[in-house]
Amino acid sequence: MQITAAMVKELRERSGAGMMECKKALTENDGNVDAAAEWLRKQGLAKADKKAGRVAAEGTIVLAQNAGSGVLVEVNSETDFVAKDENFLKFADEAAQTALKSGAADADALKAANTSHGPTVEEGRQWLVAKVGENVQVRRMVRIDGAPNLGAYVHGGRIGVLVSLEGGDAELARGIAMHIAAMNPQYVAPENVAAEFVAKEKEIALAQMSDKDKQKPAEIQEKMISGKIRKTLNEISLTGQPFVLDTNVTVGEALGSAKAKVLSFHRIAVGEGIEKVVEDYAAEVMKQAGLA
């Protein structure tokens, strides 16, 4: 059967695959567009399965927001080169928009959600793997809904922040989000720090105390330890940190001046927690040549 340009065009619009791939799919399936579309999907799935075990620690963080709702989605690739690819970035943006509109609570639910043009996010991922030739993963997502004042910030596609404020204005919310991106606080306030962490810090402070300090009265030792722990808790808590946009005040003081408070926040960074494989190509070549 003759494969016409119109048939190739129709299949391209349906599948998003390249012209030569569509022509091959139609040839393999005697010009049947439906069968060719299914064939392309199967080819993409096979390629995706083969690449699924490869480490994907590069990628991007994408933001989508509307009124008091916002989502951040991390999509990973194997290399920074693919992370800048137009097809990769288009897929990541579509995944974030789908996450926002579908109400998906996590990455698994997002993968099963249908995009605006029909296929699920997972099907789009499989197609992208076949297109770029690398493992691609929709690794995780976070969302905030119903925020009285939503702050959002993405730094260079590498770090993303969502923060929900009560009170304040849009400028303050964005400023707090930028601060979180830069300083990576672990808690909203010192009082939110886990009791186990505080106990451990006290144990460490006691162990580090000099012999001279150990000779001081118990109440003095307690004040010294409390001061050290308070400093540590402020360093890891949002409200205790100097505000990056005005280091003369803490974040807590900036919030207080605006009669605002932070209800919650999320911060994610590309590849955090993924063990990257560092290739030493020179050593590998020497090993293969029997020189190492």
Protein backbone atom coordinates (compact mmCIF):
# COMPACT_ATOMS: atom_id res chain seq x y z
CA MET A 1 0.00 0.00 0.00
CA GLN A 2 1.25 3.48 -0.86
CA ILE A 3 2.10 5.64 2.18
CA THR A 4 0.92 9.18 1.46
CA ALA A 5 2.11 12.45 2.98
CA ALA A 6 -1.36 12.98 4.45
CA MET A 7 -1.16 9.66 6.31
CA VAL A 8 2.26 10.53 7.71
CA LYS A 9 1.00 13.97 8.75
CA GLU A 10 -2.01 12.47 10.55
CA LEU A 11 0.15 9.98 12.42
CA ARG A 12 2.66 12.65 13.39
CA GLU A 13 -0.11 14.81 14.84
CA ARG A 14 -1.50 11.87 16.79
CA SER A 15 1.77 10.46 18.10
CA GLY A 16 4.26 13.31 18.13
CA ALA A 17 6.83 10.99 16.52
CA GLY A 18 9.23 12.05 13.77
CA MET A 19 8.40 11.85 10.08
CA MET A 20 10.67 8.88 9.33
CA GLU A 21 9.39 6.99 12.40
CA CYS A 22 5.79 7.55 11.26
CA LYS A 23 6.57 6.43 7.73
CA LYS A 24 8.20 3.26 9.05
CA ALA A 25 5.26 2.59 11.38
CA LEU A 26 2.78 2.95 8.50
CA THR A 27 4.89 0.70 6.28
CA GLU A 28 5.04 -1.96 8.99
CA ASN A 29 1.27 -1.83 9.42
CA ASP A 30 0.09 -1.64 5.77
CA GLY A 31 -0.97 1.99 6.04
CA ASN A 32 -3.35 1.45 8.99
CA VAL A 33 -3.00 4.64 11.03
CA ASP A 34 -4.55 3.19 14.20
CA ALA A 35 -2.28 0.13 14.11
CA ALA A 36 0.71 2.33 13.31
CA ALA A 37 -0.04 4.55 16.33
CA GLU A 38 -0.21 1.47 18.57
CA TRP A 39 3.02 0.16 17.02
CA LEU A 40 4.79 3.42 17.84
CA ARG A 41 3.55 3.25 21.42
CA LYS A 42 4.87 -0.29 21.78
CA GLN A 43 8.22 0.70 20.29
CA GLY A 44 8.46 3.58 22.76
CA LEU A 45 7.59 1.33 25.71
CA ALA A 46 10.25 -1.20 24.70
CA LYS A 47 12.89 1.50 24.48
CA ALA A 48 11.78 3.00 27.79
CA ASP A 49 11.99 -0.39 29.53
CA LYS A 50 15.55 -0.91 28.28
CA LYS A 51 16.67 2.44 29.67
CA ALA A 52 14.71 2.36 32.95
CA GLY A 53 17.64 1.13 35.06
CA ARG A 54 20.01 3.90 34.04
CA VAL A 55 20.68 6.69 36.54
CA ALA A 56 18.77 9.88 35.76
CA ALA A 57 20.04 12.57 38.12
CA GLU A 58 19.91 15.63 35.85
CA GLY A 59 16.71 17.33 34.74
CA THR A 60 14.51 20.23 35.68
CA ILE A 61 12.00 21.54 38.21
CA VAL A 62 8.83 22.96 36.64
CA LEU A 63 6.23 25.19 38.28
CA ALA A 64 2.53 25.53 37.52
CA GLN A 65 0.22 27.73 39.59
CA ASN A 66 -3.24 29.24 39.62
CA ALA A 67 -4.66 31.46 42.35
CA GLY A 68 -3.97 29.73 45.68
CA SER A 69 -2.75 26.46 44.19
CA GLY A 70 0.71 25.55 42.95
CA VAL A 71 2.69 22.45 42.00
CA LEU A 72 6.36 21.68 41.45
CA VAL A 73 7.31 18.67 39.34
CA GLU A 74 10.79 17.17 39.05
CA VAL A 75 11.52 15.46 35.74
CA ASN A 76 14.90 13.75 35.45
CA SER A 77 17.18 12.86 32.55
CA GLU A 78 20.58 11.21 32.38
CA THR A 79 22.45 14.24 31.05
CA ASP A 80 22.26 18.01 31.31
CA PHE A 81 22.26 18.11 27.50
CA VAL A 82 18.88 16.35 27.30
CA ALA A 83 17.60 18.44 30.23
CA LYS A 84 17.89 21.46 27.91
CA ASP A 85 16.26 19.71 24.93
CA GLU A 86 13.11 21.37 23.59
CA ASN A 87 11.12 18.12 23.63
CA PHE A 88 12.18 17.39 27.22
CA LEU A 89 11.23 20.87 28.44
CA LYS A 90 7.90 20.75 26.64
CA PHE A 91 7.10 17.40 28.26
CA ALA A 92 8.11 18.69 31.72
CA ASP A 93 5.89 21.75 31.36
CA GLU A 94 2.97 19.57 30.20
CA ALA A 95 3.49 17.31 33.23
CA ALA A 96 3.36 20.30 35.59
CA GLN A 97 0.21 21.71 33.97
CA THR A 98 -1.39 18.26 34.15
CA ALA A 99 -0.45 17.96 37.83
CA LEU A 100 -2.10 21.29 38.60
CA LYS A 101 -5.31 20.62 36.68
CA SER A 102 -5.75 16.95 37.60
CA GLY A 103 -5.32 17.44 41.34
CA ALA A 104 -2.73 14.64 41.45
CA ALA A 105 -1.26 14.26 44.92
CA ASP A 106 1.94 12.45 44.00
CA ALA A 107 4.08 11.31 41.06
CA ASP A 108 2.28 7.98 40.65
CA ALA A 109 -1.10 9.69 40.33
CA LEU A 110 0.42 12.23 37.95
CA LYS A 111 1.81 9.52 35.64
CA ALA A 112 -1.67 8.03 35.29
CA ALA A 113 -3.32 11.40 34.56
CA ASN A 114 -4.27 12.37 31.02
CA THR A 115 -2.60 15.39 29.46
CA SER A 116 -4.51 18.11 27.60
CA HIS A 117 -3.91 16.38 24.25
CA GLY A 118 -5.02 12.90 25.36
CA PRO A 119 -2.21 10.49 26.28
CA THR A 120 -1.25 9.99 29.91
CA VAL A 121 1.90 11.55 31.33
CA GLU A 122 3.45 8.06 31.47
CA GLU A 123 2.73 7.50 27.79
CA GLY A 124 4.31 10.86 27.04
CA ARG A 125 7.37 9.85 29.04
CA GLN A 126 7.74 6.64 27.07
CA TRP A 127 7.53 8.55 23.81
CA LEU A 128 10.15 11.03 25.06
CA VAL A 129 12.55 8.23 26.01
CA ALA A 130 12.31 6.91 22.45
CA LYS A 131 12.83 10.43 21.10
CA VAL A 132 15.85 11.53 23.15
CA GLY A 133 17.47 8.13 23.71
CA GLU A 134 17.87 8.53 27.49
CA ASN A 135 16.12 7.37 30.62
CA VAL A 136 13.57 10.01 31.63
CA GLN A 137 11.66 9.86 34.91
CA VAL A 138 8.86 11.87 36.48
CA ARG A 139 10.42 11.51 39.88
CA ARG A 140 8.26 13.51 42.29
CA MET A 141 5.88 16.39 42.74
CA VAL A 142 4.72 18.61 45.59
CA ARG A 143 1.64 20.79 45.75
CA ILE A 144 -0.04 23.41 47.90
CA ASP A 145 -3.76 24.11 47.57
CA GLY A 146 -5.90 26.80 49.13
CA ALA A 147 -3.01 29.05 50.15
CA PRO A 148 -4.21 32.47 51.39
CA ASN A 149 -1.03 33.95 49.89
CA LEU A 150 1.01 31.64 47.64
CA GLY A 151 4.69 32.31 46.97
CA ALA A 152 6.50 30.40 44.24
CA TYR A 153 10.01 30.53 42.86
CA VAL A 154 12.15 28.39 40.56
CA HIS A 155 15.87 29.10 40.34
CA GLY A 156 17.35 28.18 36.98
CA GLY A 157 15.20 25.08 36.70
CA ARG A 158 17.31 23.50 39.44
CA ILE A 159 15.57 24.51 42.68
CA GLY A 160 11.85 25.05 43.21
CA VAL A 161 9.93 26.44 46.18
CA LEU A 162 6.28 26.76 47.13
CA VAL A 163 5.29 28.60 50.30
CA SER A 164 1.89 29.33 51.82
CA LEU A 165 1.57 32.54 53.83
CA GLU A 166 -1.23 33.95 55.90
CA GLY A 167 -1.13 37.71 55.59
CA GLY A 168 1.50 39.80 53.83
CA ASP A 169 1.41 40.40 50.09
CA ALA A 170 2.59 38.79 46.84
CA GLU A 171 5.98 40.52 47.02
CA LEU A 172 6.67 39.19 50.52
CA ALA A 173 5.53 35.68 49.55
CA ARG A 174 7.90 35.61 46.57
CA GLY A 175 10.71 37.02 48.73
CA ILE A 176 10.21 34.27 51.31
CA ALA A 177 10.22 31.67 48.51
CA MET A 178 13.51 33.09 47.19
CA HIS A 179 14.97 32.94 50.70
CA ILE A 180 13.97 29.29 51.09
CA ALA A 181 15.59 28.49 47.74
CA ALA A 182 18.86 30.13 48.83
CA MET A 183 19.10 29.04 52.47
CA ASN A 184 17.31 25.66 52.49
CA PRO A 185 15.70 25.80 55.96
CA GLN A 186 14.53 22.46 57.30
CA TYR A 187 11.69 23.75 59.50
CA VAL A 188 9.35 26.75 59.64
CA ALA A 189 10.34 27.75 63.21
CA PRO A 190 12.62 26.49 66.02
CA GLU A 191 9.61 25.14 67.92
CA ASN A 192 8.86 22.83 64.98
CA VAL A 193 12.20 21.02 65.26
CA ALA A 194 11.87 17.40 66.36
CA ALA A 195 12.54 16.73 70.05
CA GLU A 196 14.93 13.91 69.10
CA PHE A 197 17.11 16.38 67.17
CA VAL A 198 17.20 18.82 70.10
CA ALA A 199 18.15 16.03 72.52
CA LYS A 200 20.95 14.91 70.21
CA GLU A 201 22.28 18.46 69.89
CA LYS A 202 22.31 18.79 73.68
CA GLU A 203 24.26 15.55 73.93
CA ILE A 204 26.79 16.83 71.40
CA ALA A 205 27.12 20.19 73.15
CA LEU A 206 27.86 18.44 76.45
CA ALA A 207 30.51 16.25 74.81
CA GLN A 208 32.19 19.31 73.24
CA MET A 209 32.28 21.32 76.46
CA SER A 210 35.83 22.07 77.62
CA ASP A 211 37.17 20.89 80.99
CA LYS A 212 37.26 24.53 82.12
CA ASP A 213 33.57 25.04 81.31
CA LYS A 214 32.67 21.79 83.07
CA GLN A 215 33.97 23.32 86.30
CA LYS A 216 31.41 26.13 86.12
CA PRO A 217 28.11 25.99 88.07
CA ALA A 218 25.38 23.80 86.59
CA GLU A 219 23.11 26.76 85.81
CA ILE A 220 25.91 28.45 83.83
CA GLN A 221 26.58 25.26 81.90
CA GLU A 222 22.87 24.98 81.12
CA LYS A 223 22.76 28.55 79.78
CA MET A 224 25.80 27.90 77.61
CA ILE A 225 24.29 24.73 76.16
CA SER A 226 20.88 26.36 75.67
CA GLY A 227 22.50 29.26 73.82
CA LYS A 228 24.38 26.90 71.52
CA ILE A 229 21.26 24.85 70.79
CA ARG A 230 19.19 27.99 70.17
CA LYS A 231 21.78 29.16 67.62
CA THR A 232 21.65 25.81 65.82
CA LEU A 233 17.84 25.76 65.76
CA ASN A 234 17.74 29.28 64.31
CA GLU A 235 20.21 28.27 61.61
CA ILE A 236 18.02 25.42 60.36
CA SER A 237 14.64 27.18 60.83
CA LEU A 238 13.13 29.64 58.38
CA THR A 239 12.02 32.24 60.91
CA GLY A 240 15.37 32.26 62.69
CA GLN A 241 17.52 32.87 59.60
CA PRO A 242 18.69 36.34 58.48
CA PHE A 243 16.42 37.36 55.59
CA VAL A 244 18.41 37.21 52.33
CA LEU A 245 16.59 40.27 50.97
CA ASP A 246 17.37 42.29 54.11
CA THR A 247 20.03 40.74 56.35
CA ASN A 248 19.42 43.34 59.04
CA VAL A 249 16.34 41.38 60.09
CA THR A 250 15.44 37.72 60.45
CA VAL A 251 12.70 36.17 58.35
CA GLY A 252 10.60 35.99 61.51
CA GLU A 253 10.99 39.74 62.05
CA ALA A 254 10.13 40.47 58.41
CA LEU A 255 7.00 38.35 58.73
CA GLY A 256 6.09 40.04 62.01
CA SER A 257 6.37 43.51 60.47
CA ALA A 258 3.94 42.44 57.75
CA LYS A 259 1.62 40.70 60.24
CA ALA A 260 2.16 37.49 58.30
CA LYS A 261 3.10 33.92 59.11
CA VAL A 262 4.27 30.91 57.13
CA LEU A 263 1.78 28.05 57.12
CA SER A 264 3.89 25.56 55.13
CA PHE A 265 6.53 25.29 52.44
CA HIS A 266 8.13 22.82 50.04
CA ARG A 267 11.61 22.99 48.53
CA ILE A 268 12.94 20.48 45.99
CA ALA A 269 16.19 20.43 44.01
CA VAL A 270 17.08 18.46 40.91
CA GLY A 271 18.71 15.12 41.67
CA GLU A 272 18.90 15.50 45.45
CA GLY A 273 19.18 12.09 47.08
CA ILE A 274 20.15 10.35 43.85
CA GLU A 275 23.58 8.74 43.85
CA LYS A 276 25.29 9.83 40.66
CA VAL A 277 27.69 7.55 38.83
CA VAL A 278 30.91 9.42 38.05
CA GLU A 279 32.64 7.97 35.04
CA ASP A 280 36.43 8.10 34.82
CA TYR A 281 36.77 7.53 31.09
CA ALA A 282 40.57 7.82 31.04
CA ALA A 283 40.89 5.10 33.69
CA GLU A 284 38.37 2.91 31.86
CA VAL A 285 40.30 3.19 28.57
CA MET A 286 43.57 2.36 30.30
CA LYS A 287 41.92 -0.63 31.99
CA GLN A 288 40.58 -1.91 28.66
CA ALA A 289 44.04 -1.47 27.12
CA GLY A 290 45.65 -3.39 29.97
CA LEU A 291 47.61 -0.36 31.15
CA ALA A 292 46.02 -0.03 34.58
